[in-house]
Amino acid sequence: MFLGLLLIPPVVLKMSSTGYRFVRYYTSNPRYRRTGAPPAILRLLAPIVVASTVVVFASGVALLLEGPSSRGSLLADP
């Protein structure tokens, strides 16, 4: 649990900096346009990676806050 919580700030920082570069590129900022677009495969995979990262961390925090007694309501039955 401690390690998971410790990883949240660097992951948020990385996603924020990447999101900033994304916005600057697609708003036609010349500095970011000079380097060119990222490869197509990365542009296609990015939303999946971001969504899965958010789901993993959010579900971990939700489980931590709710405690072990609510495990059945937050997880699917095996």
PDB file of N, CA and C in Angstrom:
ATOM      1  N   MET A   1       0.824  -1.184   0.000  1.00  0.00           N
ATOM      2  CA  MET A   1       0.000   0.000   0.000  1.00  0.00           C
ATOM      3  C   MET A   1       0.871   1.251   0.000  1.00  0.00           C
ATOM      4  N   PHE A   2       1.900   1.208   0.823  1.00  0.00           N
ATOM      5  CA  PHE A   2       2.771   2.379   0.928  1.00  0.00           C
ATOM      6  C   PHE A   2       3.420   2.699  -0.414  1.00  0.00           C
ATOM      7  N   LEU A   3       3.898   1.682  -1.096  1.00  0.00           N
ATOM      8  CA  LEU A   3       4.541   1.899  -2.389  1.00  0.00           C
ATOM      9  C   LEU A   3       3.562   2.448  -3.424  1.00  0.00           C
ATOM     10  N   GLY A   4       2.348   1.930  -3.429  1.00  0.00           N
ATOM     11  CA  GLY A   4       1.330   2.418  -4.347  1.00  0.00           C
ATOM     12  C   GLY A   4       1.028   3.884  -4.126  1.00  0.00           C
ATOM     13  N   LEU A   5       0.892   4.278  -2.869  1.00  0.00           N
ATOM     14  CA  LEU A   5       0.639   5.681  -2.556  1.00  0.00           C
ATOM     15  C   LEU A   5       1.852   6.554  -2.891  1.00  0.00           C
ATOM     16  N   LEU A   6       3.026   5.991  -2.724  1.00  0.00           N
ATOM     17  CA  LEU A   6       4.245   6.724  -3.023  1.00  0.00           C
ATOM     18  C   LEU A   6       4.394   6.984  -4.528  1.00  0.00           C
ATOM     19  N   LEU A   7       3.826   6.111  -5.345  1.00  0.00           N
ATOM     20  CA  LEU A   7       3.925   6.256  -6.797  1.00  0.00           C
ATOM     21  C   LEU A   7       2.937   7.253  -7.396  1.00  0.00           C
ATOM     22  N   ILE A   8       1.911   7.619  -6.661  1.00  0.00           N
ATOM     23  CA  ILE A   8       0.883   8.504  -7.217  1.00  0.00           C
ATOM     24  C   ILE A   8       1.447   9.862  -7.648  1.00  0.00           C
ATOM     25  N   PRO A   9       2.204  10.587  -6.819  1.00  0.00           N
ATOM     26  CA  PRO A   9       2.702  11.903  -7.268  1.00  0.00           C
ATOM     27  C   PRO A   9       3.570  11.857  -8.534  1.00  0.00           C
ATOM     28  N   PRO A  10       4.546  10.933  -8.661  1.00  0.00           N
ATOM     29  CA  PRO A  10       5.324  10.924  -9.904  1.00  0.00           C
ATOM     30  C   PRO A  10       4.476  10.569 -11.133  1.00  0.00           C
ATOM     31  N   VAL A  11       3.498   9.695 -10.959  1.00  0.00           N
ATOM     32  CA  VAL A  11       2.637   9.323 -12.086  1.00  0.00           C
ATOM     33  C   VAL A  11       1.785  10.517 -12.502  1.00  0.00           C
ATOM     34  N   VAL A  12       1.236  11.241 -11.542  1.00  0.00           N
ATOM     35  CA  VAL A  12       0.447  12.439 -11.862  1.00  0.00           C
ATOM     36  C   VAL A  12       1.326  13.489 -12.539  1.00  0.00           C
ATOM     37  N   LEU A  13       2.539  13.670 -12.060  1.00  0.00           N
ATOM     38  CA  LEU A  13       3.458  14.631 -12.670  1.00  0.00           C
ATOM     39  C   LEU A  13       3.775  14.248 -14.113  1.00  0.00           C
ATOM     40  N   LYS A  14       4.047  12.989 -14.351  1.00  0.00           N
ATOM     41  CA  LYS A  14       4.363  12.521 -15.705  1.00  0.00           C
ATOM     42  C   LYS A  14       3.160  12.686 -16.631  1.00  0.00           C
ATOM     43  N   MET A  15       1.980  12.333 -16.163  1.00  0.00           N
ATOM     44  CA  MET A  15       0.789  12.481 -16.990  1.00  0.00           C
ATOM     45  C   MET A  15       0.480  13.948 -17.253  1.00  0.00           C
ATOM     46  N   SER A  16       0.750  14.814 -16.287  1.00  0.00           N
ATOM     47  CA  SER A  16       0.523  16.247 -16.472  1.00  0.00           C
ATOM     48  C   SER A  16       1.485  16.834 -17.501  1.00  0.00           C
ATOM     49  N   SER A  17       2.753  16.488 -17.397  1.00  0.00           N
ATOM     50  CA  SER A  17       3.735  17.033 -18.335  1.00  0.00           C
ATOM     51  C   SER A  17       3.478  16.524 -19.751  1.00  0.00           C
ATOM     52  N   THR A  18       3.098  15.267 -19.872  1.00  0.00           N
ATOM     53  CA  THR A  18       2.777  14.719 -21.191  1.00  0.00           C
ATOM     54  C   THR A  18       1.507  15.355 -21.745  1.00  0.00           C
ATOM     55  N   GLY A  19       0.521  15.563 -20.890  1.00  0.00           N
ATOM     56  CA  GLY A  19      -0.714  16.235 -21.310  1.00  0.00           C
ATOM     57  C   GLY A  19      -0.452  17.662 -21.752  1.00  0.00           C
ATOM     58  N   TYR A  20       0.456  18.350 -21.058  1.00  0.00           N
ATOM     59  CA  TYR A  20       0.817  19.716 -21.439  1.00  0.00           C
ATOM     60  C   TYR A  20       1.449  19.730 -22.833  1.00  0.00           C
ATOM     61  N   ARG A  21       2.372  18.807 -23.074  1.00  0.00           N
ATOM     62  CA  ARG A  21       2.997  18.737 -24.399  1.00  0.00           C
ATOM     63  C   ARG A  21       1.968  18.404 -25.468  1.00  0.00           C
ATOM     64  N   PHE A  22       1.014  17.524 -25.156  1.00  0.00           N
ATOM     65  CA  PHE A  22      -0.059  17.164 -26.077  1.00  0.00           C
ATOM     66  C   PHE A  22      -0.867  18.401 -26.457  1.00  0.00           C
ATOM     67  N   VAL A  23      -1.278  19.170 -25.457  1.00  0.00           N
ATOM     68  CA  VAL A  23      -2.077  20.379 -25.710  1.00  0.00           C
ATOM     69  C   VAL A  23      -1.276  21.394 -26.509  1.00  0.00           C
ATOM     70  N   ARG A  24      -0.020  21.589 -26.147  1.00  0.00           N
ATOM     71  CA  ARG A  24       0.810  22.572 -26.870  1.00  0.00           C
ATOM     72  C   ARG A  24       1.021  22.155 -28.323  1.00  0.00           C
ATOM     73  N   TYR A  25       1.174  20.864 -28.580  1.00  0.00           N
ATOM     74  CA  TYR A  25       1.371  20.403 -29.960  1.00  0.00           C
ATOM     75  C   TYR A  25       0.102  20.609 -30.781  1.00  0.00           C
ATOM     76  N   TYR A  26      -1.032  20.200 -30.246  1.00  0.00           N
ATOM     77  CA  TYR A  26      -2.269  20.262 -31.016  1.00  0.00           C
ATOM     78  C   TYR A  26      -2.909  21.651 -31.035  1.00  0.00           C
ATOM     79  N   THR A  27      -2.353  22.621 -30.298  1.00  0.00           N
ATOM     80  CA  THR A  27      -2.787  24.014 -30.439  1.00  0.00           C
ATOM     81  C   THR A  27      -1.817  24.779 -31.330  1.00  0.00           C
ATOM     82  N   SER A  28      -0.997  24.061 -32.057  1.00  0.00           N
ATOM     83  CA  SER A  28      -0.081  24.591 -33.081  1.00  0.00           C
ATOM     84  C   SER A  28       0.984  25.533 -32.548  1.00  0.00           C
ATOM     85  N   ASN A  29       1.537  25.234 -31.396  1.00  0.00           N
ATOM     86  CA  ASN A  29       2.656  25.999 -30.879  1.00  0.00           C
ATOM     87  C   ASN A  29       3.880  25.646 -31.719  1.00  0.00           C
ATOM     88  N   PRO A  30       4.545  26.656 -32.314  1.00  0.00           N
ATOM     89  CA  PRO A  30       5.676  26.371 -33.220  1.00  0.00           C
ATOM     90  C   PRO A  30       6.805  25.565 -32.573  1.00  0.00           C
ATOM     91  N   ARG A  31       7.083  25.825 -31.308  1.00  0.00           N
ATOM     92  CA  ARG A  31       8.182  25.109 -30.637  1.00  0.00           C
ATOM     93  C   ARG A  31       7.907  23.608 -30.583  1.00  0.00           C
ATOM     94  N   TYR A  32       6.661  23.251 -30.338  1.00  0.00           N
ATOM     95  CA  TYR A  32       6.313  21.835 -30.238  1.00  0.00           C
ATOM     96  C   TYR A  32       6.045  21.224 -31.604  1.00  0.00           C
ATOM     97  N   ARG A  33       5.653  22.029 -32.572  1.00  0.00           N
ATOM     98  CA  ARG A  33       5.399  21.529 -33.924  1.00  0.00           C
ATOM     99  C   ARG A  33       6.697  21.173 -34.649  1.00  0.00           C
ATOM    100  N   ARG A  34       7.783  21.865 -34.323  1.00  0.00           N
ATOM    101  CA  ARG A  34       9.072  21.623 -34.982  1.00  0.00           C
ATOM    102  C   ARG A  34       9.560  20.191 -34.806  1.00  0.00           C
ATOM    103  N   THR A  35       9.292  19.600 -33.664  1.00  0.00           N
ATOM    104  CA  THR A  35       9.789  18.248 -33.406  1.00  0.00           C
ATOM    105  C   THR A  35       8.959  17.185 -34.114  1.00  0.00           C
ATOM    106  N   GLY A  36       7.788  17.551 -34.587  1.00  0.00           N
ATOM    107  CA  GLY A  36       6.957  16.614 -35.325  1.00  0.00           C
ATOM    108  C   GLY A  36       6.025  15.823 -34.431  1.00  0.00           C
ATOM    109  N   ALA A  37       5.109  15.139 -35.073  1.00  0.00           N
ATOM    110  CA  ALA A  37       4.104  14.362 -34.341  1.00  0.00           C
ATOM    111  C   ALA A  37       4.715  13.072 -33.796  1.00  0.00           C
ATOM    112  N   PRO A  38       4.158  12.596 -32.698  1.00  0.00           N
ATOM    113  CA  PRO A  38       4.612  11.301 -32.200  1.00  0.00           C
ATOM    114  C   PRO A  38       4.207  10.199 -33.183  1.00  0.00           C
ATOM    115  N   PRO A  39       4.864   9.065 -33.130  1.00  0.00           N
ATOM    116  CA  PRO A  39       4.470   7.956 -34.015  1.00  0.00           C
ATOM    117  C   PRO A  39       2.997   7.593 -33.818  1.00  0.00           C
ATOM    118  N   ALA A  40       2.367   7.143 -34.899  1.00  0.00           N
ATOM    119  CA  ALA A  40       0.931   6.853 -34.880  1.00  0.00           C
ATOM    120  C   ALA A  40       0.560   5.818 -33.817  1.00  0.00           C
ATOM    121  N   ILE A  41       1.378   4.813 -33.629  1.00  0.00           N
ATOM    122  CA  ILE A  41       1.055   3.771 -32.650  1.00  0.00           C
ATOM    123  C   ILE A  41       1.001   4.346 -31.237  1.00  0.00           C
ATOM    124  N   LEU A  42       1.884   5.291 -30.940  1.00  0.00           N
ATOM    125  CA  LEU A  42       1.861   5.917 -29.616  1.00  0.00           C
ATOM    126  C   LEU A  42       0.617   6.777 -29.433  1.00  0.00           C
ATOM    127  N   ARG A  43       0.196   7.456 -30.489  1.00  0.00           N
ATOM    128  CA  ARG A  43      -1.024   8.260 -30.404  1.00  0.00           C
ATOM    129  C   ARG A  43      -2.249   7.391 -30.225  1.00  0.00           C
ATOM    130  N   LEU A  44      -2.230   6.171 -30.752  1.00  0.00           N
ATOM    131  CA  LEU A  44      -3.365   5.269 -30.599  1.00  0.00           C
ATOM    132  C   LEU A  44      -3.374   4.591 -29.224  1.00  0.00           C
ATOM    133  N   LEU A  45      -2.203   4.284 -28.702  1.00  0.00           N
ATOM    134  CA  LEU A  45      -2.109   3.591 -27.417  1.00  0.00           C
ATOM    135  C   LEU A  45      -2.253   4.516 -26.209  1.00  0.00           C
ATOM    136  N   ALA A  46      -1.962   5.792 -26.378  1.00  0.00           N
ATOM    137  CA  ALA A  46      -1.946   6.723 -25.249  1.00  0.00           C
ATOM    138  C   ALA A  46      -3.252   6.758 -24.457  1.00  0.00           C
ATOM    139  N   PRO A  47      -4.417   6.878 -25.092  1.00  0.00           N
ATOM    140  CA  PRO A  47      -5.647   6.913 -24.288  1.00  0.00           C
ATOM    141  C   PRO A  47      -5.871   5.632 -23.479  1.00  0.00           C
ATOM    142  N   ILE A  48      -5.486   4.501 -24.028  1.00  0.00           N
ATOM    143  CA  ILE A  48      -5.653   3.227 -23.324  1.00  0.00           C
ATOM    144  C   ILE A  48      -4.726   3.174 -22.106  1.00  0.00           C
ATOM    145  N   VAL A  49      -3.492   3.599 -22.294  1.00  0.00           N
ATOM    146  CA  VAL A  49      -2.515   3.583 -21.195  1.00  0.00           C
ATOM    147  C   VAL A  49      -2.933   4.546 -20.088  1.00  0.00           C
ATOM    148  N   VAL A  50      -3.369   5.743 -20.463  1.00  0.00           N
ATOM    149  CA  VAL A  50      -3.786   6.731 -19.466  1.00  0.00           C
ATOM    150  C   VAL A  50      -5.013   6.233 -18.712  1.00  0.00           C
ATOM    151  N   ALA A  51      -6.006   5.730 -19.430  1.00  0.00           N
ATOM    152  CA  ALA A  51      -7.231   5.249 -18.777  1.00  0.00           C
ATOM    153  C   ALA A  51      -6.943   4.086 -17.838  1.00  0.00           C
ATOM    154  N   SER A  52      -6.133   3.138 -18.272  1.00  0.00           N
ATOM    155  CA  SER A  52      -5.840   1.994 -17.410  1.00  0.00           C
ATOM    156  C   SER A  52      -5.027   2.410 -16.183  1.00  0.00           C
ATOM    157  N   THR A  53      -4.129   3.353 -16.342  1.00  0.00           N
ATOM    158  CA  THR A  53      -3.350   3.849 -15.206  1.00  0.00           C
ATOM    159  C   THR A  53      -4.254   4.523 -14.187  1.00  0.00           C
ATOM    160  N   VAL A  54      -5.152   5.357 -14.660  1.00  0.00           N
ATOM    161  CA  VAL A  54      -6.082   6.051 -13.762  1.00  0.00           C
ATOM    162  C   VAL A  54      -6.974   5.043 -13.044  1.00  0.00           C
ATOM    163  N   VAL A  55      -7.474   4.041 -13.750  1.00  0.00           N
ATOM    164  CA  VAL A  55      -8.345   3.035 -13.136  1.00  0.00           C
ATOM    165  C   VAL A  55      -7.592   2.245 -12.067  1.00  0.00           C
ATOM    166  N   VAL A  56      -6.366   1.846 -12.356  1.00  0.00           N
ATOM    167  CA  VAL A  56      -5.593   1.066 -11.385  1.00  0.00           C
ATOM    168  C   VAL A  56      -5.335   1.863 -10.114  1.00  0.00           C
ATOM    169  N   PHE A  57      -4.883   3.096 -10.256  1.00  0.00           N
ATOM    170  CA  PHE A  57      -4.586   3.905  -9.072  1.00  0.00           C
ATOM    171  C   PHE A  57      -5.857   4.307  -8.333  1.00  0.00           C
ATOM    172  N   ALA A  58      -6.909   4.668  -9.055  1.00  0.00           N
ATOM    173  CA  ALA A  58      -8.163   5.066  -8.407  1.00  0.00           C
ATOM    174  C   ALA A  58      -8.798   3.900  -7.661  1.00  0.00           C
ATOM    175  N   SER A  59      -8.767   2.708  -8.253  1.00  0.00           N
ATOM    176  CA  SER A  59      -9.343   1.554  -7.561  1.00  0.00           C
ATOM    177  C   SER A  59      -8.519   1.186  -6.328  1.00  0.00           C
ATOM    178  N   GLY A  60      -7.217   1.338  -6.413  1.00  0.00           N
ATOM    179  CA  GLY A  60      -6.369   1.068  -5.251  1.00  0.00           C
ATOM    180  C   GLY A  60      -6.644   2.030  -4.111  1.00  0.00           C
ATOM    181  N   VAL A  61      -6.797   3.310  -4.438  1.00  0.00           N
ATOM    182  CA  VAL A  61      -7.098   4.308  -3.410  1.00  0.00           C
ATOM    183  C   VAL A  61      -8.493   4.060  -2.838  1.00  0.00           C
ATOM    184  N   ALA A  62      -9.460   3.718  -3.702  1.00  0.00           N
ATOM    185  CA  ALA A  62     -10.817   3.435  -3.220  1.00  0.00           C
ATOM    186  C   ALA A  62     -10.816   2.249  -2.274  1.00  0.00           C
ATOM    187  N   LEU A  63     -10.091   1.195  -2.617  1.00  0.00           N
ATOM    188  CA  LEU A  63     -10.007   0.029  -1.729  1.00  0.00           C
ATOM    189  C   LEU A  63      -9.322   0.379  -0.408  1.00  0.00           C
ATOM    190  N   LEU A  64      -8.324   1.223  -0.479  1.00  0.00           N
ATOM    191  CA  LEU A  64      -7.629   1.630   0.732  1.00  0.00           C
ATOM    192  C   LEU A  64      -8.549   2.447   1.641  1.00  0.00           C
ATOM    193  N   LEU A  65      -9.323   3.354   1.050  1.00  0.00           N
ATOM    194  CA  LEU A  65     -10.209   4.208   1.841  1.00  0.00           C
ATOM    195  C   LEU A  65     -11.409   3.443   2.399  1.00  0.00           C
ATOM    196  N   GLU A  66     -11.929   2.509   1.638  1.00  0.00           N
ATOM    197  CA  GLU A  66     -13.113   1.763   2.068  1.00  0.00           C
ATOM    198  C   GLU A  66     -12.782   0.653   3.058  1.00  0.00           C
ATOM    199  N   GLY A  67     -11.588   0.149   2.991  1.00  0.00           N
ATOM    200  CA  GLY A  67     -11.184  -0.894   3.922  1.00  0.00           C
ATOM    201  C   GLY A  67     -11.535  -2.288   3.438  1.00  0.00           C
ATOM    202  N   PRO A  68     -11.033  -3.304   4.117  1.00  0.00           N
ATOM    203  CA  PRO A  68     -11.236  -4.682   3.676  1.00  0.00           C
ATOM    204  C   PRO A  68     -12.699  -5.132   3.749  1.00  0.00           C
ATOM    205  N   SER A  69     -13.509  -4.520   4.589  1.00  0.00           N
ATOM    206  CA  SER A  69     -14.896  -4.971   4.731  1.00  0.00           C
ATOM    207  C   SER A  69     -15.736  -4.678   3.481  1.00  0.00           C
ATOM    208  N   SER A  70     -15.334  -3.718   2.662  1.00  0.00           N
ATOM    209  CA  SER A  70     -16.106  -3.354   1.472  1.00  0.00           C
ATOM    210  C   SER A  70     -15.565  -4.022   0.217  1.00  0.00           C
ATOM    211  N   ARG A  71     -14.712  -4.973   0.369  1.00  0.00           N
ATOM    212  CA  ARG A  71     -14.087  -5.612  -0.782  1.00  0.00           C
ATOM    213  C   ARG A  71     -15.106  -6.190  -1.747  1.00  0.00           C
ATOM    214  N   GLY A  72     -16.156  -6.786  -1.273  1.00  0.00           N
ATOM    215  CA  GLY A  72     -17.178  -7.376  -2.116  1.00  0.00           C
ATOM    216  C   GLY A  72     -17.916  -6.352  -2.967  1.00  0.00           C
ATOM    217  N   SER A  73     -18.078  -5.127  -2.473  1.00  0.00           N
ATOM    218  CA  SER A  73     -18.808  -4.115  -3.231  1.00  0.00           C
ATOM    219  C   SER A  73     -17.925  -3.429  -4.281  1.00  0.00           C
ATOM    220  N   LEU A  74     -16.614  -3.463  -4.111  1.00  0.00           N
ATOM    221  CA  LEU A  74     -15.716  -2.793  -5.057  1.00  0.00           C
ATOM    222  C   LEU A  74     -15.099  -3.742  -6.086  1.00  0.00           C
ATOM    223  N   LEU A  75     -15.082  -5.029  -5.795  1.00  0.00           N
ATOM    224  CA  LEU A  75     -14.484  -5.999  -6.712  1.00  0.00           C
ATOM    225  C   LEU A  75     -15.541  -6.957  -7.240  1.00  0.00           C
ATOM    226  N   ALA A  76     -15.299  -7.464  -8.429  1.00  0.00           N
ATOM    227  CA  ALA A  76     -16.198  -8.458  -8.997  1.00  0.00           C
ATOM    228  C   ALA A  76     -16.016  -9.784  -8.267  1.00  0.00           C
ATOM    229  N   ASP A  77     -17.063 -10.558  -8.206  1.00  0.00           N
ATOM    230  CA  ASP A  77     -16.977 -11.881  -7.576  1.00  0.00           C
ATOM    231  C   ASP A  77     -16.146 -12.813  -8.449  1.00  0.00           C
ATOM    232  N   PRO A  78     -15.279 -13.643  -7.831  1.00  0.00           N
ATOM    233  CA  PRO A  78     -14.449 -14.551  -8.623  1.00  0.00           C
ATOM    234  C   PRO A  78     -15.221 -15.690  -9.237  1.00  0.00           C
TER     235      PRO A  78
END
